[in-house]
Amino acid sequence: MMRTLPHVAYLVDNIEEALEGREILVDTFSPGDGVRVAFIKHNGAPVEFMEISS
């Protein structure tokens, strides 16, 4: 569903902090090495948070 639904994405320094107190739609997962992603619901819309480690 998230692959086909338009959404805003934000690059965050710390995904756990970004998720605090949020309504989580898709819990944190890793689509590739050094990348962690999660989706929340904000004002009825999906929002993606992405953390990239260097």
C-alpha atoms as a PDB file:
ATOM      1  CA  MET A   1       0.000   0.000   0.000  1.00  0.00           C
ATOM      2  CA  MET A   2       2.747   2.510   0.903  1.00  0.00           C
ATOM      3  CA  ARG A   3       4.487   1.908  -2.415  1.00  0.00           C
ATOM      4  CA  THR A   4       1.515   3.181  -4.384  1.00  0.00           C
ATOM      5  CA  LEU A   5       0.083   5.831  -2.009  1.00  0.00           C
ATOM      6  CA  PRO A   6       1.640   9.300  -2.358  1.00  0.00           C
ATOM      7  CA  HIS A   7       3.254  10.465   0.873  1.00  0.00           C
ATOM      8  CA  VAL A   8       5.731  12.903   2.347  1.00  0.00           C
ATOM      9  CA  ALA A   9       9.122  11.564   3.463  1.00  0.00           C
ATOM     10  CA  TYR A  10      11.531  13.051   5.974  1.00  0.00           C
ATOM     11  CA  LEU A  11      15.160  12.204   6.613  1.00  0.00           C
ATOM     12  CA  VAL A  12      15.654  11.992  10.397  1.00  0.00           C
ATOM     13  CA  ASP A  13      18.741  11.669  12.586  1.00  0.00           C
ATOM     14  CA  ASN A  14      17.118   9.228  15.020  1.00  0.00           C
ATOM     15  CA  ILE A  15      14.092   7.222  13.948  1.00  0.00           C
ATOM     16  CA  GLU A  16      13.169   6.149  17.491  1.00  0.00           C
ATOM     17  CA  GLU A  17      12.970   9.782  18.614  1.00  0.00           C
ATOM     18  CA  ALA A  18      10.979  10.732  15.505  1.00  0.00           C
ATOM     19  CA  LEU A  19       8.436   7.975  16.233  1.00  0.00           C
ATOM     20  CA  GLU A  20       7.840   8.902  19.894  1.00  0.00           C
ATOM     21  CA  GLY A  21       4.158   9.591  20.523  1.00  0.00           C
ATOM     22  CA  ARG A  22       3.191   9.006  16.872  1.00  0.00           C
ATOM     23  CA  GLU A  23       0.561   6.677  15.436  1.00  0.00           C
ATOM     24  CA  ILE A  24       2.666   4.064  13.644  1.00  0.00           C
ATOM     25  CA  LEU A  25       1.303   2.635  10.385  1.00  0.00           C
ATOM     26  CA  VAL A  26       4.334   0.499   9.468  1.00  0.00           C
ATOM     27  CA  ASP A  27       6.893  -0.318  12.147  1.00  0.00           C
ATOM     28  CA  THR A  28      10.595   0.240  11.558  1.00  0.00           C
ATOM     29  CA  PHE A  29      12.200  -1.944   8.890  1.00  0.00           C
ATOM     30  CA  SER A  30      15.386  -1.938   6.840  1.00  0.00           C
ATOM     31  CA  PRO A  31      14.989  -1.869   3.053  1.00  0.00           C
ATOM     32  CA  GLY A  32      18.785  -1.942   2.620  1.00  0.00           C
ATOM     33  CA  ASP A  33      22.121  -1.719   4.408  1.00  0.00           C
ATOM     34  CA  GLY A  34      22.355   1.335   6.655  1.00  0.00           C
ATOM     35  CA  VAL A  35      18.765   2.451   6.001  1.00  0.00           C
ATOM     36  CA  ARG A  36      15.836   2.266   8.421  1.00  0.00           C
ATOM     37  CA  VAL A  37      12.313   3.341   7.522  1.00  0.00           C
ATOM     38  CA  ALA A  38       8.972   3.652   9.310  1.00  0.00           C
ATOM     39  CA  PHE A  39       5.584   5.144   8.438  1.00  0.00           C
ATOM     40  CA  ILE A  40       3.289   7.130  10.692  1.00  0.00           C
ATOM     41  CA  LYS A  41      -0.149   8.642  10.322  1.00  0.00           C
ATOM     42  CA  HIS A  42      -0.240  12.432  10.655  1.00  0.00           C
ATOM     43  CA  ASN A  43      -3.486  14.366  10.157  1.00  0.00           C
ATOM     44  CA  GLY A  44      -4.894  11.328   8.358  1.00  0.00           C
ATOM     45  CA  ALA A  45      -2.028  11.069   5.873  1.00  0.00           C
ATOM     46  CA  PRO A  46       0.901   8.648   5.741  1.00  0.00           C
ATOM     47  CA  VAL A  47       4.331  10.116   6.462  1.00  0.00           C
ATOM     48  CA  GLU A  48       7.631   8.286   6.010  1.00  0.00           C
ATOM     49  CA  PHE A  49      10.628   8.711   8.299  1.00  0.00           C
ATOM     50  CA  MET A  50      13.993   7.509   6.981  1.00  0.00           C
ATOM     51  CA  GLU A  51      17.254   7.197   8.917  1.00  0.00           C
ATOM     52  CA  ILE A  52      20.490   6.618   7.006  1.00  0.00           C
ATOM     53  CA  SER A  53      23.619   5.638   8.906  1.00  0.00           C
ATOM     54  CA  SER A  54      26.976   6.545   7.476  1.00  0.00           C
END
